[in-house]
């Protein structure tokens, strides 16, 4: 009887370890897949990856890819906003 209990205990522990390993593998696969879906600076930053305080800003994914902030649009929008404010003030 004691031998059966030991076998059952080891089988349960083995099954638990197997389930944990499969869960870790699935989690890593999901992380890798979502990381590969990132294609822009904004997507990188919105997913919480580190952003440098350089100009232009850069975001780096754990797999080594780097995305640079697109600053041309920001300059045009700032210029347009300033011109609009000048027109309103006159």
Protein backbone atom coordinates (compact mmCIF):
# COMPACT_ATOMS: atom_id res chain seq x y z
CA UNK A 1 0.00 0.00 0.00
CA UNK A 2 2.82 2.40 0.89
CA UNK A 3 4.46 1.82 -2.51
CA UNK A 4 1.23 2.73 -4.33
CA UNK A 5 0.97 5.94 -2.32
CA UNK A 6 4.57 6.91 -3.24
CA UNK A 7 3.93 6.17 -6.92
CA UNK A 8 0.75 8.23 -6.84
CA UNK A 9 2.57 11.10 -5.09
CA UNK A 10 5.41 11.11 -7.65
CA UNK A 11 2.91 10.91 -10.51
CA UNK A 12 1.03 13.90 -9.09
CA UNK A 13 4.21 15.93 -8.63
CA UNK A 14 5.36 14.96 -12.14
CA UNK A 15 2.02 16.02 -13.61
CA UNK A 16 2.17 19.32 -11.74
CA UNK A 17 5.72 20.01 -12.97
CA UNK A 18 4.64 19.12 -16.53
CA UNK A 19 1.68 21.52 -16.35
CA UNK A 20 3.91 24.30 -15.00
CA UNK A 21 6.48 23.78 -17.77
CA UNK A 22 3.78 23.81 -20.47
CA UNK A 23 2.30 26.99 -18.98
CA UNK A 24 5.70 28.70 -19.02
CA UNK A 25 6.29 27.63 -22.63
CA UNK A 26 2.88 28.97 -23.71
CA UNK A 27 3.49 32.24 -21.86
CA UNK A 28 6.91 32.72 -23.53
CA UNK A 29 5.44 31.91 -26.93
CA UNK A 30 2.67 34.50 -26.39
CA UNK A 31 5.20 37.12 -25.27
CA UNK A 32 7.39 36.46 -28.31
CA UNK A 33 4.40 36.59 -30.67
CA UNK A 34 3.10 39.88 -29.22
CA UNK A 35 6.61 41.33 -29.25
CA UNK A 36 7.01 40.47 -32.94
CA UNK A 37 3.71 42.25 -33.68
CA UNK A 38 5.29 45.55 -32.60
CA UNK A 39 6.21 47.56 -35.70
CA UNK A 40 6.29 51.22 -34.60
CA UNK A 41 7.72 53.41 -31.84
CA UNK A 42 4.24 54.08 -30.49
CA UNK A 43 3.37 50.37 -30.27
CA UNK A 44 6.68 49.71 -28.53
CA UNK A 45 6.18 52.49 -25.97
CA UNK A 46 2.51 51.59 -25.39
CA UNK A 47 3.55 48.01 -24.54
CA UNK A 48 5.74 49.32 -21.74
CA UNK A 49 9.18 48.73 -23.21
CA UNK A 50 11.93 51.17 -22.18
CA UNK A 51 12.06 54.52 -23.94
CA UNK A 52 15.28 56.55 -23.97
CA UNK A 53 15.25 60.25 -23.11
CA UNK A 54 17.19 61.10 -26.26
CA UNK A 55 16.05 63.19 -29.20
CA UNK A 56 14.40 61.62 -31.01
CA UNK A 57 13.23 59.12 -28.41
CA UNK A 58 13.97 55.45 -28.98
CA UNK A 59 12.15 52.38 -27.73
CA UNK A 60 13.84 48.99 -27.43
CA UNK A 61 12.22 45.57 -27.27
CA UNK A 62 13.83 42.70 -25.31
CA UNK A 63 14.62 40.90 -28.58
CA UNK A 64 16.97 43.76 -29.54
CA UNK A 65 14.82 45.69 -32.01
CA UNK A 66 14.84 49.47 -31.73
CA UNK A 67 12.18 51.95 -32.88
CA UNK A 68 12.73 55.69 -33.26
CA UNK A 69 10.06 58.30 -32.58
CA UNK A 70 8.75 59.98 -35.73
CA UNK A 71 9.34 63.67 -35.01
CA UNK A 72 8.45 65.20 -38.40
CA UNK A 73 4.73 65.01 -37.71
CA UNK A 74 5.23 66.52 -34.25
CA UNK A 75 7.08 69.53 -35.71
CA UNK A 76 4.41 70.10 -38.37
CA UNK A 77 1.60 69.84 -35.81
CA UNK A 78 3.38 72.21 -33.40
CA UNK A 79 3.97 74.68 -36.22
CA UNK A 80 0.33 74.47 -37.30
CA UNK A 81 -0.86 75.00 -33.73
CA UNK A 82 1.40 78.03 -33.29
CA UNK A 83 0.14 79.55 -36.57
CA UNK A 84 -3.47 78.94 -35.54
CA UNK A 85 -2.84 80.68 -32.21
CA UNK A 86 -1.25 83.63 -34.03
CA UNK A 87 -4.26 83.94 -36.34
CA UNK A 88 -6.70 83.82 -33.39
CA UNK A 89 -4.72 86.42 -31.45
CA UNK A 90 -4.66 88.95 -34.31
